[in-house]
Amino acid sequence: MSFYTYLLKCADGSYYAGHTDNLDLRIAQHESGSIPGYTATRLPVALSWSESFGTREEALSAERQIKGWSRKKKEALIAGDFAALKEAARK
């Protein structure tokens, strides 16, 4: 079984990080507003990035790490710009 960490871009331009074991279902739940909380008040949302992990612990760890990142660093991850990601980590 795979586990996923993901980033959603919300209608207000903010990013939401989460993790799940069923990416398609979780994104559909966010898109429909059926998950109360942050994304439900910022619809529509769009999947910007995701990565699979072998364990829930790894996915949760990645989610927690990304939640602490700056917007610039999240956008470098989404773009796959690892040089910019590394540079943003130094600041």
PDB file of N, CA and C in Angstrom:
ATOM      1  N   MET A   1       0.837  -1.180   0.000  1.00  0.00           N
ATOM      2  CA  MET A   1       0.000   0.000   0.000  1.00  0.00           C
ATOM      3  C   MET A   1       0.881   1.242   0.000  1.00  0.00           C
ATOM      4  N   SER A   2       0.489   2.224  -0.792  1.00  0.00           N
ATOM      5  CA  SER A   2       1.207   3.496  -0.844  1.00  0.00           C
ATOM      6  C   SER A   2       0.487   4.543  -0.014  1.00  0.00           C
ATOM      7  N   PHE A   3       1.254   5.498   0.450  1.00  0.00           N
ATOM      8  CA  PHE A   3       0.731   6.649   1.178  1.00  0.00           C
ATOM      9  C   PHE A   3       1.240   7.886   0.463  1.00  0.00           C
ATOM     10  N   TYR A   4       0.476   8.950   0.513  1.00  0.00           N
ATOM     11  CA  TYR A   4       0.787  10.131  -0.267  1.00  0.00           C
ATOM     12  C   TYR A   4       0.808  11.382   0.606  1.00  0.00           C
ATOM     13  N   THR A   5       1.743  12.259   0.290  1.00  0.00           N
ATOM     14  CA  THR A   5       1.727  13.618   0.808  1.00  0.00           C
ATOM     15  C   THR A   5       1.369  14.487  -0.380  1.00  0.00           C
ATOM     16  N   TYR A   6       0.545  15.508  -0.148  1.00  0.00           N
ATOM     17  CA  TYR A   6       0.073  16.328  -1.256  1.00  0.00           C
ATOM     18  C   TYR A   6      -0.021  17.793  -0.850  1.00  0.00           C
ATOM     19  N   LEU A   7       0.010  18.652  -1.858  1.00  0.00           N
ATOM     20  CA  LEU A   7      -0.219  20.083  -1.689  1.00  0.00           C
ATOM     21  C   LEU A   7      -1.378  20.495  -2.578  1.00  0.00           C
ATOM     22  N   LEU A   8      -2.330  21.194  -1.994  1.00  0.00           N
ATOM     23  CA  LEU A   8      -3.444  21.761  -2.735  1.00  0.00           C
ATOM     24  C   LEU A   8      -3.263  23.270  -2.801  1.00  0.00           C
ATOM     25  N   LYS A   9      -3.624  23.863  -3.922  1.00  0.00           N
ATOM     26  CA  LYS A   9      -3.692  25.316  -4.002  1.00  0.00           C
ATOM     27  C   LYS A   9      -5.161  25.697  -3.860  1.00  0.00           C
ATOM     28  N   CYS A  10      -5.424  26.559  -2.905  1.00  0.00           N
ATOM     29  CA  CYS A  10      -6.789  26.980  -2.600  1.00  0.00           C
ATOM     30  C   CYS A  10      -7.163  28.221  -3.415  1.00  0.00           C
ATOM     31  N   ALA A  11      -8.453  28.502  -3.480  1.00  0.00           N
ATOM     32  CA  ALA A  11      -8.958  29.631  -4.259  1.00  0.00           C
ATOM     33  C   ALA A  11      -8.367  30.958  -3.801  1.00  0.00           C
ATOM     34  N   ASP A  12      -8.014  31.074  -2.518  1.00  0.00           N
ATOM     35  CA  ASP A  12      -7.441  32.328  -2.016  1.00  0.00           C
ATOM     36  C   ASP A  12      -5.931  32.411  -2.257  1.00  0.00           C
ATOM     37  N   GLY A  13      -5.359  31.407  -2.951  1.00  0.00           N
ATOM     38  CA  GLY A  13      -3.941  31.403  -3.273  1.00  0.00           C
ATOM     39  C   GLY A  13      -3.068  30.727  -2.232  1.00  0.00           C
ATOM     40  N   SER A  14      -3.645  30.322  -1.117  1.00  0.00           N
ATOM     41  CA  SER A  14      -2.867  29.642  -0.081  1.00  0.00           C
ATOM     42  C   SER A  14      -2.671  28.169  -0.448  1.00  0.00           C
ATOM     43  N   TYR A  15      -1.770  27.527   0.266  1.00  0.00           N
ATOM     44  CA  TYR A  15      -1.496  26.110   0.053  1.00  0.00           C
ATOM     45  C   TYR A  15      -1.893  25.315   1.280  1.00  0.00           C
ATOM     46  N   TYR A  16      -2.367  24.095   1.021  1.00  0.00           N
ATOM     47  CA  TYR A  16      -2.732  23.182   2.092  1.00  0.00           C
ATOM     48  C   TYR A  16      -1.962  21.884   1.887  1.00  0.00           C
ATOM     49  N   ALA A  17      -1.281  21.418   2.917  1.00  0.00           N
ATOM     50  CA  ALA A  17      -0.553  20.145   2.855  1.00  0.00           C
ATOM     51  C   ALA A  17      -1.309  19.097   3.645  1.00  0.00           C
ATOM     52  N   GLY A  18      -1.348  17.880   3.108  1.00  0.00           N
ATOM     53  CA  GLY A  18      -2.001  16.774   3.798  1.00  0.00           C
ATOM     54  C   GLY A  18      -1.359  15.459   3.402  1.00  0.00           C
ATOM     55  N   HIS A  19      -1.861  14.380   4.000  1.00  0.00           N
ATOM     56  CA  HIS A  19      -1.401  13.044   3.616  1.00  0.00           C
ATOM     57  C   HIS A  19      -2.590  12.090   3.642  1.00  0.00           C
ATOM     58  N   THR A  20      -2.487  11.002   2.889  1.00  0.00           N
ATOM     59  CA  THR A  20      -3.592  10.060   2.755  1.00  0.00           C
ATOM     60  C   THR A  20      -3.090   8.737   2.193  1.00  0.00           C
ATOM     61  N   ASP A  21      -3.930   7.722   2.281  1.00  0.00           N
ATOM     62  CA  ASP A  21      -3.620   6.452   1.624  1.00  0.00           C
ATOM     63  C   ASP A  21      -4.452   6.262   0.349  1.00  0.00           C
ATOM     64  N   ASN A  22      -5.344   7.223   0.054  1.00  0.00           N
ATOM     65  CA  ASN A  22      -6.150   7.172  -1.169  1.00  0.00           C
ATOM     66  C   ASN A  22      -6.226   8.585  -1.740  1.00  0.00           C
ATOM     67  N   LEU A  23      -5.283   8.914  -2.597  1.00  0.00           N
ATOM     68  CA  LEU A  23      -5.152  10.284  -3.087  1.00  0.00           C
ATOM     69  C   LEU A  23      -6.383  10.736  -3.863  1.00  0.00           C
ATOM     70  N   ASP A  24      -6.882   9.916  -4.772  1.00  0.00           N
ATOM     71  CA  ASP A  24      -8.035  10.326  -5.586  1.00  0.00           C
ATOM     72  C   ASP A  24      -9.256  10.625  -4.715  1.00  0.00           C
ATOM     73  N   LEU A  25      -9.534   9.758  -3.759  1.00  0.00           N
ATOM     74  CA  LEU A  25     -10.674   9.966  -2.871  1.00  0.00           C
ATOM     75  C   LEU A  25     -10.485  11.221  -2.030  1.00  0.00           C
ATOM     76  N   ARG A  26      -9.294  11.406  -1.462  1.00  0.00           N
ATOM     77  CA  ARG A  26      -9.063  12.563  -0.594  1.00  0.00           C
ATOM     78  C   ARG A  26      -9.193  13.871  -1.361  1.00  0.00           C
ATOM     79  N   ILE A  27      -8.675  13.910  -2.587  1.00  0.00           N
ATOM     80  CA  ILE A  27      -8.790  15.134  -3.385  1.00  0.00           C
ATOM     81  C   ILE A  27     -10.256  15.404  -3.697  1.00  0.00           C
ATOM     82  N   ALA A  28     -11.000  14.369  -4.052  1.00  0.00           N
ATOM     83  CA  ALA A  28     -12.443  14.534  -4.314  1.00  0.00           C
ATOM     84  C   ALA A  28     -13.169  15.051  -3.075  1.00  0.00           C
ATOM     85  N   GLN A  29     -12.787  14.564  -1.896  1.00  0.00           N
ATOM     86  CA  GLN A  29     -13.397  15.037  -0.650  1.00  0.00           C
ATOM     87  C   GLN A  29     -13.094  16.521  -0.440  1.00  0.00           C
ATOM     88  N   HIS A  30     -11.849  16.916  -0.663  1.00  0.00           N
ATOM     89  CA  HIS A  30     -11.501  18.333  -0.536  1.00  0.00           C
ATOM     90  C   HIS A  30     -12.282  19.169  -1.546  1.00  0.00           C
ATOM     91  N   GLU A  31     -12.325  18.721  -2.798  1.00  0.00           N
ATOM     92  CA  GLU A  31     -13.001  19.469  -3.856  1.00  0.00           C
ATOM     93  C   GLU A  31     -14.487  19.648  -3.594  1.00  0.00           C
ATOM     94  N   SER A  32     -15.112  18.664  -2.961  1.00  0.00           N
ATOM     95  CA  SER A  32     -16.553  18.740  -2.685  1.00  0.00           C
ATOM     96  C   SER A  32     -16.861  19.520  -1.411  1.00  0.00           C
ATOM     97  N   GLY A  33     -15.833  19.816  -0.637  1.00  0.00           N
ATOM     98  CA  GLY A  33     -16.042  20.532   0.620  1.00  0.00           C
ATOM     99  C   GLY A  33     -16.539  19.643   1.744  1.00  0.00           C
ATOM    100  N   SER A  34     -16.462  18.333   1.558  1.00  0.00           N
ATOM    101  CA  SER A  34     -16.990  17.407   2.566  1.00  0.00           C
ATOM    102  C   SER A  34     -16.054  17.205   3.756  1.00  0.00           C
ATOM    103  N   ILE A  35     -14.834  17.719   3.657  1.00  0.00           N
ATOM    104  CA  ILE A  35     -13.913  17.681   4.790  1.00  0.00           C
ATOM    105  C   ILE A  35     -13.971  19.053   5.452  1.00  0.00           C
ATOM    106  N   PRO A  36     -14.558  19.136   6.647  1.00  0.00           N
ATOM    107  CA  PRO A  36     -14.650  20.443   7.290  1.00  0.00           C
ATOM    108  C   PRO A  36     -13.265  20.997   7.618  1.00  0.00           C
ATOM    109  N   GLY A  37     -13.153  22.294   7.630  1.00  0.00           N
ATOM    110  CA  GLY A  37     -11.888  22.902   8.017  1.00  0.00           C
ATOM    111  C   GLY A  37     -11.353  23.832   6.957  1.00  0.00           C
ATOM    112  N   TYR A  38     -10.031  23.872   6.875  1.00  0.00           N
ATOM    113  CA  TYR A  38      -9.313  24.864   6.078  1.00  0.00           C
ATOM    114  C   TYR A  38      -9.759  24.906   4.626  1.00  0.00           C
ATOM    115  N   THR A  39      -9.731  23.784   3.935  1.00  0.00           N
ATOM    116  CA  THR A  39     -10.011  23.809   2.500  1.00  0.00           C
ATOM    117  C   THR A  39     -11.493  24.029   2.201  1.00  0.00           C
ATOM    118  N   ALA A  40     -12.369  23.614   3.079  1.00  0.00           N
ATOM    119  CA  ALA A  40     -13.808  23.758   2.839  1.00  0.00           C
ATOM    120  C   ALA A  40     -14.220  25.218   2.703  1.00  0.00           C
ATOM    121  N   THR A  41     -13.467  26.115   3.321  1.00  0.00           N
ATOM    122  CA  THR A  41     -13.793  27.545   3.252  1.00  0.00           C
ATOM    123  C   THR A  41     -12.979  28.264   2.183  1.00  0.00           C
ATOM    124  N   ARG A  42     -12.192  27.507   1.411  1.00  0.00           N
ATOM    125  CA  ARG A  42     -11.339  28.116   0.395  1.00  0.00           C
ATOM    126  C   ARG A  42     -11.473  27.414  -0.957  1.00  0.00           C
ATOM    127  N   LEU A  43     -12.683  27.008  -1.302  1.00  0.00           N
ATOM    128  CA  LEU A  43     -12.942  26.312  -2.560  1.00  0.00           C
ATOM    129  C   LEU A  43     -12.990  27.288  -3.717  1.00  0.00           C
ATOM    130  N   PRO A  44     -12.650  26.851  -4.914  1.00  0.00           N
ATOM    131  CA  PRO A  44     -12.183  25.511  -5.246  1.00  0.00           C
ATOM    132  C   PRO A  44     -10.702  25.319  -4.902  1.00  0.00           C
ATOM    133  N   VAL A  45     -10.326  24.053  -4.839  1.00  0.00           N
ATOM    134  CA  VAL A  45      -8.933  23.685  -4.605  1.00  0.00           C
ATOM    135  C   VAL A  45      -8.440  22.863  -5.786  1.00  0.00           C
ATOM    136  N   ALA A  46      -7.131  22.854  -5.981  1.00  0.00           N
ATOM    137  CA  ALA A  46      -6.534  22.074  -7.075  1.00  0.00           C
ATOM    138  C   ALA A  46      -5.261  21.406  -6.571  1.00  0.00           C
ATOM    139  N   LEU A  47      -5.089  20.167  -6.956  1.00  0.00           N
ATOM    140  CA  LEU A  47      -3.876  19.439  -6.593  1.00  0.00           C
ATOM    141  C   LEU A  47      -2.688  20.065  -7.317  1.00  0.00           C
ATOM    142  N   SER A  48      -1.680  20.470  -6.551  1.00  0.00           N
ATOM    143  CA  SER A  48      -0.488  21.091  -7.128  1.00  0.00           C
ATOM    144  C   SER A  48       0.713  20.160  -7.137  1.00  0.00           C
ATOM    145  N   TRP A  49       0.765  19.247  -6.167  1.00  0.00           N
ATOM    146  CA  TRP A  49       1.930  18.366  -6.036  1.00  0.00           C
ATOM    147  C   TRP A  49       1.543  17.177  -5.173  1.00  0.00           C
ATOM    148  N   SER A  50       2.134  16.030  -5.456  1.00  0.00           N
ATOM    149  CA  SER A  50       1.995  14.859  -4.580  1.00  0.00           C
ATOM    150  C   SER A  50       3.206  13.960  -4.755  1.00  0.00           C
ATOM    151  N   GLU A  51       3.461  13.175  -3.723  1.00  0.00           N
ATOM    152  CA  GLU A  51       4.537  12.189  -3.771  1.00  0.00           C
ATOM    153  C   GLU A  51       4.099  10.975  -2.966  1.00  0.00           C
ATOM    154  N   SER A  52       4.476   9.800  -3.427  1.00  0.00           N
ATOM    155  CA  SER A  52       4.110   8.578  -2.715  1.00  0.00           C
ATOM    156  C   SER A  52       5.238   8.149  -1.789  1.00  0.00           C
ATOM    157  N   PHE A  53       4.841   7.488  -0.700  1.00  0.00           N
ATOM    158  CA  PHE A  53       5.762   6.988   0.319  1.00  0.00           C
ATOM    159  C   PHE A  53       5.364   5.562   0.672  1.00  0.00           C
ATOM    160  N   GLY A  54       6.310   4.837   1.211  1.00  0.00           N
ATOM    161  CA  GLY A  54       6.074   3.443   1.561  1.00  0.00           C
ATOM    162  C   GLY A  54       5.292   3.241   2.848  1.00  0.00           C
ATOM    163  N   THR A  55       5.353   4.219   3.746  1.00  0.00           N
ATOM    164  CA  THR A  55       4.652   4.084   5.030  1.00  0.00           C
ATOM    165  C   THR A  55       3.896   5.368   5.359  1.00  0.00           C
ATOM    166  N   ARG A  56       2.870   5.239   6.192  1.00  0.00           N
ATOM    167  CA  ARG A  56       2.120   6.398   6.654  1.00  0.00           C
ATOM    168  C   ARG A  56       3.025   7.351   7.436  1.00  0.00           C
ATOM    169  N   GLU A  57       3.941   6.795   8.207  1.00  0.00           N
ATOM    170  CA  GLU A  57       4.841   7.621   9.002  1.00  0.00           C
ATOM    171  C   GLU A  57       5.698   8.529   8.114  1.00  0.00           C
ATOM    172  N   GLU A  58       6.183   7.983   6.995  1.00  0.00           N
ATOM    173  CA  GLU A  58       6.979   8.793   6.065  1.00  0.00           C
ATOM    174  C   GLU A  58       6.139   9.907   5.442  1.00  0.00           C
ATOM    175  N   ALA A  59       4.924   9.579   5.046  1.00  0.00           N
ATOM    176  CA  ALA A  59       4.028  10.572   4.450  1.00  0.00           C
ATOM    177  C   ALA A  59       3.672  11.659   5.452  1.00  0.00           C
ATOM    178  N   LEU A  60       3.387  11.272   6.681  1.00  0.00           N
ATOM    179  CA  LEU A  60       3.057  12.237   7.725  1.00  0.00           C
ATOM    180  C   LEU A  60       4.255  13.120   8.048  1.00  0.00           C
ATOM    181  N   SER A  61       5.423  12.541   8.090  1.00  0.00           N
ATOM    182  CA  SER A  61       6.638  13.306   8.343  1.00  0.00           C
ATOM    183  C   SER A  61       6.860  14.348   7.251  1.00  0.00           C
ATOM    184  N   ALA A  62       6.664  13.957   5.993  1.00  0.00           N
ATOM    185  CA  ALA A  62       6.810  14.894   4.874  1.00  0.00           C
ATOM    186  C   ALA A  62       5.767  16.003   4.965  1.00  0.00           C
ATOM    187  N   GLU A  63       4.531  15.647   5.313  1.00  0.00           N
ATOM    188  CA  GLU A  63       3.474  16.652   5.470  1.00  0.00           C
ATOM    189  C   GLU A  63       3.864  17.676   6.530  1.00  0.00           C
ATOM    190  N   ARG A  64       4.289  17.213   7.668  1.00  0.00           N
ATOM    191  CA  ARG A  64       4.671  18.115   8.763  1.00  0.00           C
ATOM    192  C   ARG A  64       5.828  19.020   8.362  1.00  0.00           C
ATOM    193  N   GLN A  65       6.790  18.458   7.648  1.00  0.00           N
ATOM    194  CA  GLN A  65       7.931  19.247   7.195  1.00  0.00           C
ATOM    195  C   GLN A  65       7.476  20.347   6.238  1.00  0.00           C
ATOM    196  N   ILE A  66       6.668  19.982   5.253  1.00  0.00           N
ATOM    197  CA  ILE A  66       6.210  20.932   4.238  1.00  0.00           C
ATOM    198  C   ILE A  66       5.336  22.021   4.854  1.00  0.00           C
ATOM    199  N   LYS A  67       4.512  21.668   5.833  1.00  0.00           N
ATOM    200  CA  LYS A  67       3.657  22.664   6.484  1.00  0.00           C
ATOM    201  C   LYS A  67       4.471  23.787   7.112  1.00  0.00           C
ATOM    202  N   GLY A  68       5.704  23.502   7.499  1.00  0.00           N
ATOM    203  CA  GLY A  68       6.557  24.514   8.095  1.00  0.00           C
ATOM    204  C   GLY A  68       7.331  25.354   7.086  1.00  0.00           C
ATOM    205  N   TRP A  69       7.200  25.037   5.814  1.00  0.00           N
ATOM    206  CA  TRP A  69       7.955  25.726   4.780  1.00  0.00           C
ATOM    207  C   TRP A  69       7.308  27.054   4.393  1.00  0.00           C
ATOM    208  N   SER A  70       8.141  27.944   3.852  1.00  0.00           N
ATOM    209  CA  SER A  70       7.655  29.205   3.307  1.00  0.00           C
ATOM    210  C   SER A  70       6.905  28.937   1.999  1.00  0.00           C
ATOM    211  N   ARG A  71       6.133  29.922   1.585  1.00  0.00           N
ATOM    212  CA  ARG A  71       5.428  29.832   0.311  1.00  0.00           C
ATOM    213  C   ARG A  71       6.426  29.623  -0.836  1.00  0.00           C
ATOM    214  N   LYS A  72       7.534  30.361  -0.798  1.00  0.00           N
ATOM    215  CA  LYS A  72       8.559  30.268  -1.846  1.00  0.00           C
ATOM    216  C   LYS A  72       9.104  28.849  -1.952  1.00  0.00           C
ATOM    217  N   LYS A  73       9.333  28.234  -0.827  1.00  0.00           N
ATOM    218  CA  LYS A  73       9.873  26.872  -0.820  1.00  0.00           C
ATOM    219  C   LYS A  73       8.834  25.874  -1.352  1.00  0.00           C
ATOM    220  N   LYS A  74       7.563  26.047  -0.960  1.00  0.00           N
ATOM    221  CA  LYS A  74       6.492  25.179  -1.471  1.00  0.00           C
ATOM    222  C   LYS A  74       6.371  25.315  -2.990  1.00  0.00           C
ATOM    223  N   GLU A  75       6.469  26.541  -3.489  1.00  0.00           N
ATOM    224  CA  GLU A  75       6.347  26.745  -4.933  1.00  0.00           C
ATOM    225  C   GLU A  75       7.537  26.172  -5.691  1.00  0.00           C
ATOM    226  N   ALA A  76       8.714  26.177  -5.089  1.00  0.00           N
ATOM    227  CA  ALA A  76       9.881  25.541  -5.714  1.00  0.00           C
ATOM    228  C   ALA A  76       9.674  24.026  -5.790  1.00  0.00           C
ATOM    229  N   LEU A  77       9.100  23.440  -4.737  1.00  0.00           N
ATOM    230  CA  LEU A  77       8.797  22.003  -4.742  1.00  0.00           C
ATOM    231  C   LEU A  77       7.789  21.674  -5.847  1.00  0.00           C
ATOM    232  N   ILE A  78       6.733  22.465  -5.934  1.00  0.00           N
ATOM    233  CA  ILE A  78       5.702  22.249  -6.957  1.00  0.00           C
ATOM    234  C   ILE A  78       6.309  22.320  -8.354  1.00  0.00           C
ATOM    235  N   ALA A  79       7.202  23.285  -8.563  1.00  0.00           N
ATOM    236  CA  ALA A  79       7.836  23.474  -9.873  1.00  0.00           C
ATOM    237  C   ALA A  79       8.908  22.430 -10.163  1.00  0.00           C
ATOM    238  N   GLY A  80       9.308  21.675  -9.141  1.00  0.00           N
ATOM    239  CA  GLY A  80      10.379  20.708  -9.326  1.00  0.00           C
ATOM    240  C   GLY A  80      11.729  21.384  -9.469  1.00  0.00           C
ATOM    241  N   ASP A  81      11.821  22.609  -8.964  1.00  0.00           N
ATOM    242  CA  ASP A  81      13.050  23.396  -9.056  1.00  0.00           C
ATOM    243  C   ASP A  81      13.867  23.162  -7.787  1.00  0.00           C
ATOM    244  N   PHE A  82      14.674  22.119  -7.814  1.00  0.00           N
ATOM    245  CA  PHE A  82      15.390  21.718  -6.606  1.00  0.00           C
ATOM    246  C   PHE A  82      16.526  22.666  -6.250  1.00  0.00           C
ATOM    247  N   ALA A  83      17.053  23.410  -7.227  1.00  0.00           N
ATOM    248  CA  ALA A  83      18.053  24.433  -6.923  1.00  0.00           C
ATOM    249  C   ALA A  83      17.412  25.557  -6.114  1.00  0.00           C
ATOM    250  N   ALA A  84      16.213  25.993  -6.537  1.00  0.00           N
ATOM    251  CA  ALA A  84      15.493  27.040  -5.811  1.00  0.00           C
ATOM    252  C   ALA A  84      15.043  26.545  -4.440  1.00  0.00           C
ATOM    253  N   LEU A  85      14.670  25.272  -4.366  1.00  0.00           N
ATOM    254  CA  LEU A  85      14.263  24.671  -3.090  1.00  0.00           C
ATOM    255  C   LEU A  85      15.436  24.692  -2.109  1.00  0.00           C
ATOM    256  N   LYS A  86      16.597  24.334  -2.606  1.00  0.00           N
ATOM    257  CA  LYS A  86      17.798  24.335  -1.764  1.00  0.00           C
ATOM    258  C   LYS A  86      18.150  25.758  -1.322  1.00  0.00           C
ATOM    259  N   GLU A  87      18.030  26.697  -2.259  1.00  0.00           N
ATOM    260  CA  GLU A  87      18.331  28.105  -1.945  1.00  0.00           C
ATOM    261  C   GLU A  87      17.338  28.647  -0.909  1.00  0.00           C
ATOM    262  N   ALA A  88      16.072  28.320  -1.052  1.00  0.00           N
ATOM    263  CA  ALA A  88      15.047  28.788  -0.112  1.00  0.00           C
ATOM    264  C   ALA A  88      15.286  28.189   1.275  1.00  0.00           C
ATOM    265  N   ALA A  89      15.877  27.011   1.335  1.00  0.00           N
ATOM    266  CA  ALA A  89      16.146  26.366   2.617  1.00  0.00           C
ATOM    267  C   ALA A  89      17.256  27.081   3.370  1.00  0.00           C
ATOM    268  N   ARG A  90      18.144  27.767   2.658  1.00  0.00           N
ATOM    269  CA  ARG A  90      19.263  28.452   3.299  1.00  0.00           C
ATOM    270  C   ARG A  90      18.836  29.741   3.971  1.00  0.00           C
ATOM    271  N   LYS A  91      17.720  30.317   3.555  1.00  0.00           N
ATOM    272  CA  LYS A  91      17.309  31.634   4.060  1.00  0.00           C
ATOM    273  C   LYS A  91      16.482  31.541   5.308  1.00  0.00           C
TER     274      LYS A  91
END
